[in-house]
Structures are given as structure tokens and as C-alpha cells.
């Protein structure tokens, strides 16, 4: 087994950073801020928008992160078999593709 499981804050932080680094999120924010500046919106509108999205995302991701953290201990033994079965299925598909292209 690997080292100790990360804490709730580490799980939340990594999930949040993964979401924030999503290209669609970045493009959506760029489009919203461009629309605000083109429409002559006040700077407070941009701050309100960014703050609202941040708080809403943080509250939303708190729930699935907390659930995943609590279910990790229960699911860990099953994950080994899920990983092995997935590996066998991937190898079988690779074999089928190799045979089909030969």
C-alpha cells in the first residue's frame, strides 16, 4: 500500500485546483469578463461575479470531496479488484484492435 491518505483539506484543494485548471472554465471566465468590460460594467460586477463563482464552486465541491474522503476506507479493498478488472478489459480491447488491424 502507499503512504497515508491525504486529509480532507488536501482532497478539497486538489479537486478545486483541478477544476480551476479546466480549459473550459478559463475560457468561460474570459468570455464573461470580456462581456462585462465591453458592456461598460463596473469593476464591482467582475468582483461579484468571480466571488460568486468561487464561493458557489467551493460549496459544491465540498460535498463530493467530503463523500469521497469518507468512502475511501470502505472502497479501498474493492478498488484493487476494479483496477485489475479494468486492466484486463483494456488489454483485451488492445488485443482485439491489434488482431483487427493485422
N, C-alpha and C. Protein backbone atom coordinates (compact mmCIF):
# COMPACT_ATOMS: atom_id res chain seq x y z
N UNK A 1 0.83 -1.18 0.00
CA UNK A 1 0.00 0.00 0.00
C UNK A 1 0.88 1.24 0.00
N UNK A 2 0.29 2.34 -0.37
CA UNK A 2 1.01 3.60 -0.40
C UNK A 2 0.97 4.26 0.97
N UNK A 3 1.44 5.48 1.02
CA UNK A 3 1.51 6.23 2.27
C UNK A 3 0.12 6.55 2.80
N UNK A 4 0.09 7.39 3.84
CA UNK A 4 -1.20 7.72 4.45
C UNK A 4 -2.08 8.51 3.48
N UNK A 5 -3.37 8.34 3.64
CA UNK A 5 -4.33 9.03 2.78
C UNK A 5 -4.28 10.53 3.06
N UNK A 6 -4.45 11.34 2.02
CA UNK A 6 -4.46 12.78 2.25
C UNK A 6 -5.68 13.19 3.07
N UNK A 7 -5.55 14.29 3.78
CA UNK A 7 -6.65 14.78 4.60
C UNK A 7 -7.74 15.41 3.76
N UNK A 8 -8.78 15.82 4.43
CA UNK A 8 -9.93 16.41 3.77
C UNK A 8 -9.55 17.71 3.07
N UNK A 9 -8.72 18.52 3.70
CA UNK A 9 -8.32 19.79 3.09
C UNK A 9 -7.49 19.54 1.83
N UNK A 10 -6.58 18.57 1.88
CA UNK A 10 -5.77 18.25 0.71
C UNK A 10 -6.63 17.72 -0.42
N UNK A 11 -7.60 16.89 -0.10
CA UNK A 11 -8.51 16.36 -1.13
C UNK A 11 -9.33 17.49 -1.75
N UNK A 12 -9.83 18.38 -0.92
CA UNK A 12 -10.61 19.50 -1.42
C UNK A 12 -9.75 20.41 -2.29
N UNK A 13 -8.54 20.70 -1.82
CA UNK A 13 -7.64 21.59 -2.56
C UNK A 13 -7.27 21.03 -3.92
N UNK A 14 -6.93 19.76 -3.98
CA UNK A 14 -6.54 19.18 -5.26
C UNK A 14 -7.72 19.13 -6.23
N UNK A 15 -8.90 18.83 -5.73
CA UNK A 15 -10.08 18.80 -6.59
C UNK A 15 -10.42 20.20 -7.09
N UNK A 16 -10.31 21.19 -6.21
CA UNK A 16 -10.61 22.56 -6.60
C UNK A 16 -9.61 23.06 -7.65
N UNK A 17 -8.33 22.77 -7.45
CA UNK A 17 -7.32 23.21 -8.42
C UNK A 17 -7.51 22.52 -9.77
N UNK A 18 -7.89 21.25 -9.73
CA UNK A 18 -8.17 20.54 -10.97
C UNK A 18 -9.33 21.19 -11.72
N UNK A 19 -10.35 21.58 -11.00
CA UNK A 19 -11.50 22.24 -11.62
C UNK A 19 -11.12 23.61 -12.15
N UNK A 20 -10.34 24.37 -11.39
CA UNK A 20 -9.95 25.72 -11.80
C UNK A 20 -9.04 25.69 -13.03
N UNK A 21 -8.30 24.60 -13.21
CA UNK A 21 -7.38 24.48 -14.34
C UNK A 21 -8.07 23.96 -15.61
N UNK A 22 -9.34 23.68 -15.53
CA UNK A 22 -10.10 23.19 -16.67
C UNK A 22 -10.14 24.28 -17.75
N UNK A 23 -9.72 23.96 -18.97
CA UNK A 23 -9.72 24.98 -20.04
C UNK A 23 -11.09 25.61 -20.29
N UNK A 24 -12.15 24.85 -20.16
CA UNK A 24 -13.48 25.42 -20.38
C UNK A 24 -13.83 26.43 -19.29
N UNK A 25 -13.37 26.19 -18.07
CA UNK A 25 -13.58 27.16 -17.00
C UNK A 25 -12.85 28.45 -17.30
N UNK A 26 -11.62 28.34 -17.73
CA UNK A 26 -10.80 29.51 -18.04
C UNK A 26 -11.42 30.29 -19.19
N UNK A 27 -11.84 29.60 -20.24
CA UNK A 27 -12.47 30.28 -21.38
C UNK A 27 -13.80 30.92 -21.01
N UNK A 28 -14.57 30.26 -20.15
CA UNK A 28 -15.84 30.83 -19.72
C UNK A 28 -15.62 32.13 -18.95
N UNK A 29 -14.64 32.12 -18.04
CA UNK A 29 -14.34 33.34 -17.28
C UNK A 29 -13.85 34.43 -18.22
N UNK A 30 -13.01 34.09 -19.17
CA UNK A 30 -12.51 35.09 -20.11
C UNK A 30 -13.68 35.71 -20.89
N UNK A 31 -14.62 34.88 -21.31
CA UNK A 31 -15.78 35.39 -22.05
C UNK A 31 -16.66 36.27 -21.17
N UNK A 32 -16.87 35.86 -19.92
CA UNK A 32 -17.71 36.66 -19.04
C UNK A 32 -17.07 38.02 -18.73
N UNK A 33 -15.77 38.02 -18.45
CA UNK A 33 -15.10 39.28 -18.17
C UNK A 33 -15.02 40.17 -19.40
N UNK A 34 -14.85 39.56 -20.57
CA UNK A 34 -14.86 40.36 -21.81
C UNK A 34 -16.22 40.98 -22.02
N UNK A 35 -17.27 40.24 -21.75
CA UNK A 35 -18.62 40.78 -21.89
C UNK A 35 -18.89 41.90 -20.90
N UNK A 36 -18.39 41.74 -19.69
CA UNK A 36 -18.57 42.80 -18.69
C UNK A 36 -17.85 44.08 -19.09
N UNK A 37 -16.62 43.92 -19.58
CA UNK A 37 -15.85 45.11 -19.95
C UNK A 37 -16.39 45.75 -21.23
N UNK A 38 -16.89 44.96 -22.15
CA UNK A 38 -17.44 45.51 -23.40
C UNK A 38 -18.75 46.24 -23.14
N UNK A 39 -19.50 45.76 -22.17
CA UNK A 39 -20.78 46.39 -21.85
C UNK A 39 -20.64 47.59 -20.94
N UNK A 40 -19.41 47.95 -20.58
CA UNK A 40 -19.19 49.09 -19.71
C UNK A 40 -19.57 48.82 -18.27
N UNK A 41 -19.52 47.55 -17.86
CA UNK A 41 -19.87 47.19 -16.49
C UNK A 41 -18.85 47.71 -15.49
N UNK A 42 -19.30 47.92 -14.27
CA UNK A 42 -18.43 48.40 -13.21
C UNK A 42 -17.47 47.29 -12.78
N UNK A 43 -16.36 47.71 -12.17
CA UNK A 43 -15.39 46.72 -11.69
C UNK A 43 -16.00 45.85 -10.60
N UNK A 44 -16.94 46.40 -9.86
CA UNK A 44 -17.57 45.61 -8.80
C UNK A 44 -18.37 44.44 -9.37
N UNK A 45 -18.86 44.57 -10.60
CA UNK A 45 -19.60 43.46 -11.22
C UNK A 45 -18.68 42.28 -11.47
N UNK A 46 -17.45 42.56 -11.92
CA UNK A 46 -16.49 41.48 -12.13
C UNK A 46 -16.08 40.81 -10.84
N UNK A 47 -15.89 41.61 -9.81
CA UNK A 47 -15.52 41.06 -8.50
C UNK A 47 -16.66 40.24 -7.94
N UNK A 48 -17.88 40.74 -8.08
CA UNK A 48 -19.05 40.00 -7.61
C UNK A 48 -19.19 38.68 -8.37
N UNK A 49 -18.99 38.71 -9.67
CA UNK A 49 -19.08 37.51 -10.49
C UNK A 49 -18.04 36.48 -10.06
N UNK A 50 -16.79 36.90 -9.96
CA UNK A 50 -15.72 35.98 -9.58
C UNK A 50 -15.92 35.44 -8.18
N UNK A 51 -16.33 36.29 -7.26
CA UNK A 51 -16.56 35.85 -5.88
C UNK A 51 -17.72 34.87 -5.80
N UNK A 52 -18.78 35.17 -6.53
CA UNK A 52 -19.93 34.26 -6.52
C UNK A 52 -19.61 32.90 -7.09
N UNK A 53 -18.88 32.87 -8.18
CA UNK A 53 -18.50 31.59 -8.77
C UNK A 53 -17.56 30.84 -7.83
N UNK A 54 -16.61 31.56 -7.22
CA UNK A 54 -15.67 30.92 -6.30
C UNK A 54 -16.40 30.30 -5.11
N UNK A 55 -17.26 31.07 -4.48
CA UNK A 55 -17.97 30.57 -3.30
C UNK A 55 -18.90 29.43 -3.69
N UNK A 56 -19.62 29.58 -4.80
CA UNK A 56 -20.51 28.50 -5.23
C UNK A 56 -19.76 27.22 -5.57
N UNK A 57 -18.63 27.35 -6.25
CA UNK A 57 -17.82 26.17 -6.58
C UNK A 57 -17.24 25.53 -5.33
N UNK A 58 -16.78 26.36 -4.41
CA UNK A 58 -16.20 25.83 -3.18
C UNK A 58 -17.24 25.06 -2.37
N UNK A 59 -18.44 25.62 -2.27
CA UNK A 59 -19.50 24.93 -1.54
C UNK A 59 -19.89 23.65 -2.25
N UNK A 60 -20.02 23.69 -3.58
CA UNK A 60 -20.39 22.49 -4.32
C UNK A 60 -19.34 21.40 -4.16
N UNK A 61 -18.06 21.73 -4.37
CA UNK A 61 -17.02 20.71 -4.33
C UNK A 61 -16.76 20.19 -2.93
N UNK A 62 -17.19 20.92 -1.92
CA UNK A 62 -17.03 20.43 -0.55
C UNK A 62 -17.80 19.13 -0.35
N UNK A 63 -18.99 19.04 -0.92
CA UNK A 63 -19.81 17.86 -0.72
C UNK A 63 -19.26 16.61 -1.40
N UNK A 64 -18.95 16.60 -2.70
CA UNK A 64 -18.40 15.37 -3.28
C UNK A 64 -17.01 15.02 -2.73
N UNK A 65 -16.23 16.04 -2.37
CA UNK A 65 -14.91 15.76 -1.80
C UNK A 65 -15.05 15.09 -0.45
N UNK A 66 -15.96 15.60 0.37
CA UNK A 66 -16.19 15.01 1.68
C UNK A 66 -16.69 13.58 1.55
N UNK A 67 -17.62 13.35 0.61
CA UNK A 67 -18.14 12.00 0.41
C UNK A 67 -17.05 11.05 -0.07
N UNK A 68 -16.22 11.49 -1.00
CA UNK A 68 -15.13 10.63 -1.48
C UNK A 68 -14.13 10.33 -0.38
N UNK A 69 -13.86 11.32 0.46
CA UNK A 69 -12.93 11.11 1.57
C UNK A 69 -13.47 10.08 2.55
N UNK A 70 -14.75 10.17 2.86
CA UNK A 70 -15.35 9.23 3.81
C UNK A 70 -15.50 7.83 3.21
N UNK A 71 -15.74 7.73 1.91
CA UNK A 71 -15.93 6.43 1.28
C UNK A 71 -14.63 5.74 0.90
N UNK A 72 -13.51 6.45 0.99
CA UNK A 72 -12.23 5.89 0.59
C UNK A 72 -11.88 4.63 1.37
N UNK A 73 -12.06 4.66 2.68
CA UNK A 73 -11.71 3.50 3.51
C UNK A 73 -12.59 2.30 3.17
N UNK A 74 -13.84 2.55 2.85
CA UNK A 74 -14.77 1.47 2.51
C UNK A 74 -14.44 0.90 1.14
N UNK A 75 -14.10 1.76 0.20
CA UNK A 75 -13.93 1.33 -1.19
C UNK A 75 -12.53 0.82 -1.50
N UNK A 76 -11.54 1.09 -0.65
CA UNK A 76 -10.17 0.73 -0.97
C UNK A 76 -9.97 -0.75 -1.32
N UNK A 77 -10.48 -1.71 -0.54
CA UNK A 77 -10.29 -3.12 -0.93
C UNK A 77 -10.93 -3.46 -2.27
N UNK A 78 -12.07 -2.84 -2.57
CA UNK A 78 -12.75 -3.12 -3.83
C UNK A 78 -12.02 -2.47 -5.00
N UNK A 79 -11.34 -1.37 -4.75
CA UNK A 79 -10.65 -0.67 -5.83
C UNK A 79 -9.55 -1.52 -6.45
N UNK A 80 -8.91 -2.36 -5.66
CA UNK A 80 -7.86 -3.23 -6.19
C UNK A 80 -8.45 -4.13 -7.27
N UNK A 81 -9.61 -4.71 -7.00
CA UNK A 81 -10.22 -5.61 -7.97
C UNK A 81 -10.80 -4.85 -9.15
N UNK A 82 -11.31 -3.66 -8.91
CA UNK A 82 -11.80 -2.84 -10.01
C UNK A 82 -10.64 -2.46 -10.93
N UNK A 83 -9.50 -2.10 -10.36
CA UNK A 83 -8.32 -1.77 -11.16
C UNK A 83 -7.84 -2.97 -11.97
N UNK A 84 -7.82 -4.12 -11.36
CA UNK A 84 -7.37 -5.33 -12.08
C UNK A 84 -8.33 -5.69 -13.20
N UNK A 85 -9.63 -5.62 -12.94
CA UNK A 85 -10.62 -5.94 -13.97
C UNK A 85 -10.52 -4.93 -15.11
N UNK A 86 -10.34 -3.67 -14.79
CA UNK A 86 -10.21 -2.64 -15.83
C UNK A 86 -8.97 -2.90 -16.68
N UNK A 87 -7.89 -3.30 -16.04
CA UNK A 87 -6.66 -3.62 -16.77
C UNK A 87 -6.85 -4.78 -17.73
N UNK A 88 -7.54 -5.82 -17.27
CA UNK A 88 -7.79 -6.98 -18.13
C UNK A 88 -8.67 -6.58 -19.32
N UNK A 89 -9.68 -5.75 -19.07
CA UNK A 89 -10.57 -5.31 -20.15
C UNK A 89 -9.79 -4.47 -21.16
N UNK A 90 -8.94 -3.56 -20.69
CA UNK A 90 -8.14 -2.74 -21.59
C UNK A 90 -7.18 -3.59 -22.43
N UNK A 91 -6.57 -4.58 -21.81
CA UNK A 91 -5.66 -5.47 -22.54
C UNK A 91 -6.44 -6.27 -23.59
N UNK A 92 -7.66 -6.71 -23.24
CA UNK A 92 -8.48 -7.46 -24.19
C UNK A 92 -8.86 -6.58 -25.38
N UNK A 93 -9.26 -5.33 -25.12
CA UNK A 93 -9.58 -4.42 -26.22
C UNK A 93 -8.36 -4.14 -27.08
N UNK A 94 -7.20 -3.97 -26.46
CA UNK A 94 -5.98 -3.75 -27.23
C UNK A 94 -5.68 -4.95 -28.12
N UNK A 95 -5.89 -6.16 -27.59
CA UNK A 95 -5.68 -7.35 -28.39
C UNK A 95 -6.63 -7.42 -29.57
N UNK A 96 -7.89 -7.05 -29.34
CA UNK A 96 -8.87 -7.06 -30.41
C UNK A 96 -8.49 -6.06 -31.51
N UNK A 97 -8.05 -4.88 -31.10
CA UNK A 97 -7.63 -3.87 -32.07
C UNK A 97 -6.41 -4.35 -32.85
N UNK A 98 -5.44 -4.94 -32.16
CA UNK A 98 -4.24 -5.43 -32.84
C UNK A 98 -4.57 -6.53 -33.83
N UNK A 99 -5.46 -7.43 -33.44
CA UNK A 99 -5.87 -8.51 -34.35
C UNK A 99 -6.64 -7.95 -35.54
N UNK A 100 -7.49 -6.95 -35.28
CA UNK A 100 -8.29 -6.36 -36.36
C UNK A 100 -7.47 -5.57 -37.36
N UNK A 101 -6.34 -5.01 -36.95
CA UNK A 101 -5.52 -4.23 -37.87
C UNK A 101 -4.47 -5.07 -38.57
N UNK A 102 -4.33 -6.32 -38.18
CA UNK A 102 -3.31 -7.17 -38.80
C UNK A 102 -3.74 -7.69 -40.15
